[in-house]
N, C-alpha and C. Protein backbone atom coordinates (compact mmCIF):
# COMPACT_ATOMS: atom_id res chain seq x y z
N MET A 1 -62.99 162.60 -97.28
CA MET A 1 -64.00 161.97 -96.43
C MET A 1 -65.36 162.59 -96.72
N ASP A 2 -66.36 161.75 -96.86
CA ASP A 2 -67.72 162.22 -97.08
C ASP A 2 -68.30 162.74 -95.77
N ARG A 3 -69.24 163.64 -95.88
CA ARG A 3 -69.89 164.17 -94.68
C ARG A 3 -70.78 163.11 -94.06
N ILE A 4 -70.80 163.10 -92.73
CA ILE A 4 -71.63 162.12 -92.04
C ILE A 4 -72.76 162.77 -91.26
N LEU A 5 -72.72 164.08 -91.07
CA LEU A 5 -73.77 164.81 -90.36
C LEU A 5 -74.20 166.02 -91.17
N PHE A 6 -75.51 166.28 -91.16
CA PHE A 6 -76.06 167.39 -91.92
C PHE A 6 -76.95 168.25 -91.04
N PRO A 7 -76.89 169.58 -91.21
CA PRO A 7 -77.85 170.44 -90.51
C PRO A 7 -79.26 170.19 -91.04
N LYS A 8 -80.26 170.56 -90.26
CA LYS A 8 -81.65 170.29 -90.63
C LYS A 8 -82.01 170.83 -92.00
N LYS A 9 -81.60 172.03 -92.31
CA LYS A 9 -81.97 172.65 -93.59
C LYS A 9 -81.43 171.84 -94.77
N GLU A 10 -80.18 171.42 -94.69
CA GLU A 10 -79.58 170.63 -95.77
C GLU A 10 -80.22 169.24 -95.85
N ALA A 11 -80.53 168.66 -94.70
CA ALA A 11 -81.16 167.34 -94.68
C ALA A 11 -82.53 167.40 -95.37
N ALA A 12 -83.28 168.47 -95.12
CA ALA A 12 -84.59 168.61 -95.76
C ALA A 12 -84.43 168.70 -97.28
N VAL A 13 -83.45 169.44 -97.73
CA VAL A 13 -83.20 169.56 -99.18
C VAL A 13 -82.82 168.20 -99.76
N LEU A 14 -81.94 167.47 -99.08
CA LEU A 14 -81.53 166.16 -99.58
C LEU A 14 -82.70 165.19 -99.69
N LEU A 15 -83.63 165.27 -98.74
CA LEU A 15 -84.80 164.38 -98.76
C LEU A 15 -85.91 164.89 -99.68
N GLY A 16 -85.82 166.15 -100.08
CA GLY A 16 -86.86 166.72 -100.94
C GLY A 16 -88.13 167.04 -100.18
N ILE A 17 -87.99 167.40 -98.90
CA ILE A 17 -89.15 167.73 -98.07
C ILE A 17 -88.95 169.11 -97.46
N SER A 18 -90.01 169.66 -96.90
CA SER A 18 -89.89 170.96 -96.26
C SER A 18 -89.19 170.83 -94.90
N LEU A 19 -88.67 171.93 -94.42
CA LEU A 19 -88.03 171.96 -93.11
C LEU A 19 -89.06 171.61 -92.03
N ARG A 20 -90.27 172.07 -92.19
CA ARG A 20 -91.33 171.76 -91.22
C ARG A 20 -91.62 170.26 -91.16
N THR A 21 -91.66 169.60 -92.32
CA THR A 21 -91.87 168.16 -92.35
C THR A 21 -90.71 167.44 -91.68
N LEU A 22 -89.50 167.89 -91.94
CA LEU A 22 -88.33 167.29 -91.32
C LEU A 22 -88.41 167.44 -89.80
N GLU A 23 -88.78 168.60 -89.32
CA GLU A 23 -88.90 168.83 -87.88
C GLU A 23 -90.00 167.96 -87.27
N ASN A 24 -91.08 167.74 -88.01
CA ASN A 24 -92.13 166.84 -87.53
C ASN A 24 -91.62 165.40 -87.43
N LEU A 25 -90.84 164.96 -88.40
CA LEU A 25 -90.25 163.62 -88.36
C LEU A 25 -89.34 163.47 -87.15
N ILE A 26 -88.55 164.49 -86.86
CA ILE A 26 -87.66 164.47 -85.71
C ILE A 26 -88.47 164.40 -84.42
N ALA A 27 -89.51 165.24 -84.32
CA ALA A 27 -90.34 165.29 -83.11
C ALA A 27 -91.02 163.96 -82.83
N ARG A 28 -91.41 163.24 -83.88
CA ARG A 28 -92.09 161.95 -83.72
C ARG A 28 -91.11 160.79 -83.55
N GLY A 29 -89.82 161.07 -83.68
CA GLY A 29 -88.83 160.01 -83.52
C GLY A 29 -88.61 159.18 -84.76
N ALA A 30 -89.13 159.63 -85.89
CA ALA A 30 -88.96 158.90 -87.14
C ALA A 30 -87.62 159.18 -87.80
N LEU A 31 -86.91 160.19 -87.30
CA LEU A 31 -85.61 160.55 -87.85
C LEU A 31 -84.66 160.81 -86.69
N GLU A 32 -83.59 160.06 -86.66
CA GLU A 32 -82.60 160.15 -85.59
C GLU A 32 -81.73 161.40 -85.76
N THR A 33 -81.37 162.04 -84.65
CA THR A 33 -80.51 163.22 -84.70
C THR A 33 -79.40 163.10 -83.66
N ARG A 34 -78.42 163.96 -83.79
CA ARG A 34 -77.33 164.09 -82.82
C ARG A 34 -77.22 165.56 -82.43
N CYS A 35 -77.02 165.82 -81.17
CA CYS A 35 -76.80 167.19 -80.70
C CYS A 35 -75.31 167.38 -80.44
N ILE A 36 -74.77 168.39 -81.06
CA ILE A 36 -73.38 168.76 -80.85
C ILE A 36 -73.39 170.23 -80.47
N GLY A 37 -73.11 170.49 -79.23
CA GLY A 37 -73.25 171.85 -78.73
C GLY A 37 -74.72 172.24 -78.79
N ARG A 38 -75.00 173.36 -79.43
CA ARG A 38 -76.38 173.82 -79.58
C ARG A 38 -76.99 173.41 -80.91
N ARG A 39 -76.23 172.70 -81.71
CA ARG A 39 -76.71 172.30 -83.04
C ARG A 39 -77.30 170.91 -83.02
N ARG A 40 -78.38 170.74 -83.78
CA ARG A 40 -78.99 169.42 -83.96
C ARG A 40 -78.67 168.99 -85.38
N LEU A 41 -77.95 167.88 -85.51
CA LEU A 41 -77.50 167.40 -86.80
C LEU A 41 -78.10 166.03 -87.08
N ILE A 42 -78.27 165.74 -88.36
CA ILE A 42 -78.87 164.47 -88.77
C ILE A 42 -77.79 163.61 -89.44
N PRO A 43 -77.57 162.41 -88.91
CA PRO A 43 -76.58 161.51 -89.53
C PRO A 43 -77.02 161.07 -90.93
N CYS A 44 -76.05 160.94 -91.81
CA CYS A 44 -76.31 160.49 -93.18
C CYS A 44 -77.03 159.14 -93.16
N ALA A 45 -76.64 158.25 -92.26
CA ALA A 45 -77.27 156.93 -92.17
C ALA A 45 -78.76 157.04 -91.86
N SER A 46 -79.16 158.02 -91.04
CA SER A 46 -80.57 158.22 -90.71
C SER A 46 -81.35 158.69 -91.94
N LEU A 47 -80.73 159.56 -92.72
CA LEU A 47 -81.37 160.05 -93.95
C LEU A 47 -81.58 158.90 -94.93
N GLU A 48 -80.55 158.07 -95.08
CA GLU A 48 -80.66 156.93 -95.99
C GLU A 48 -81.72 155.94 -95.52
N LYS A 49 -81.75 155.68 -94.23
CA LYS A 49 -82.74 154.75 -93.67
C LYS A 49 -84.16 155.25 -93.92
N LEU A 50 -84.39 156.54 -93.69
CA LEU A 50 -85.71 157.11 -93.93
C LEU A 50 -86.08 157.05 -95.40
N ALA A 51 -85.12 157.36 -96.28
CA ALA A 51 -85.39 157.38 -97.72
C ALA A 51 -85.68 155.98 -98.27
N GLN A 52 -85.19 154.94 -97.62
CA GLN A 52 -85.38 153.57 -98.12
C GLN A 52 -86.63 152.89 -97.58
N ARG A 53 -87.37 153.55 -96.71
CA ARG A 53 -88.59 152.94 -96.17
C ARG A 53 -89.59 152.67 -97.28
N ASP A 54 -90.29 151.54 -97.15
CA ASP A 54 -91.32 151.16 -98.12
C ASP A 54 -92.66 151.81 -97.82
N VAL A 55 -92.89 152.14 -96.56
CA VAL A 55 -94.18 152.62 -96.10
C VAL A 55 -94.09 154.11 -95.83
N SER A 56 -95.14 154.83 -96.15
CA SER A 56 -95.14 156.25 -95.85
C SER A 56 -95.19 156.45 -94.34
N VAL A 57 -94.64 157.55 -93.88
CA VAL A 57 -94.62 157.84 -92.46
C VAL A 57 -96.04 158.03 -91.95
N ARG A 58 -96.90 158.65 -92.73
CA ARG A 58 -98.30 158.85 -92.34
C ARG A 58 -98.99 157.51 -92.16
N GLY A 59 -98.73 156.56 -93.06
CA GLY A 59 -99.33 155.24 -92.96
C GLY A 59 -98.89 154.49 -91.72
N GLU A 60 -97.64 154.67 -91.31
CA GLU A 60 -97.15 154.01 -90.11
C GLU A 60 -97.87 154.54 -88.87
N ARG A 61 -98.10 155.83 -88.84
CA ARG A 61 -98.72 156.43 -87.67
C ARG A 61 -100.16 155.98 -87.54
N ASN A 62 -100.84 155.76 -88.65
CA ASN A 62 -102.23 155.34 -88.63
C ASN A 62 -102.40 153.84 -88.54
N GLY A 63 -101.28 153.13 -88.43
CA GLY A 63 -101.34 151.68 -88.29
C GLY A 63 -101.65 150.95 -89.56
N GLN A 64 -101.43 151.54 -90.70
CA GLN A 64 -101.71 150.88 -91.98
C GLN A 64 -100.52 150.11 -92.46
C-alpha cells in the first residue's frame, strides 16, 4: 500500500519547497491537512492537487 499521509517535512521535500513555505500554505488554507493526535499530516491527494495548479499561490492571493 502506498502512503496516503506525509509529515510536513517530507511534504515540503516532495513539493520542492521550504518547510516555512509549506507552513504558510497550510496557514492560508491552500493546503489541506489532517490532525492525528498531536501530529499534523498532509494527505497525498492535497499534495497532488497543489502541484497540479496552473496559477501560482501568490497570484491567487493578489487576485491575478
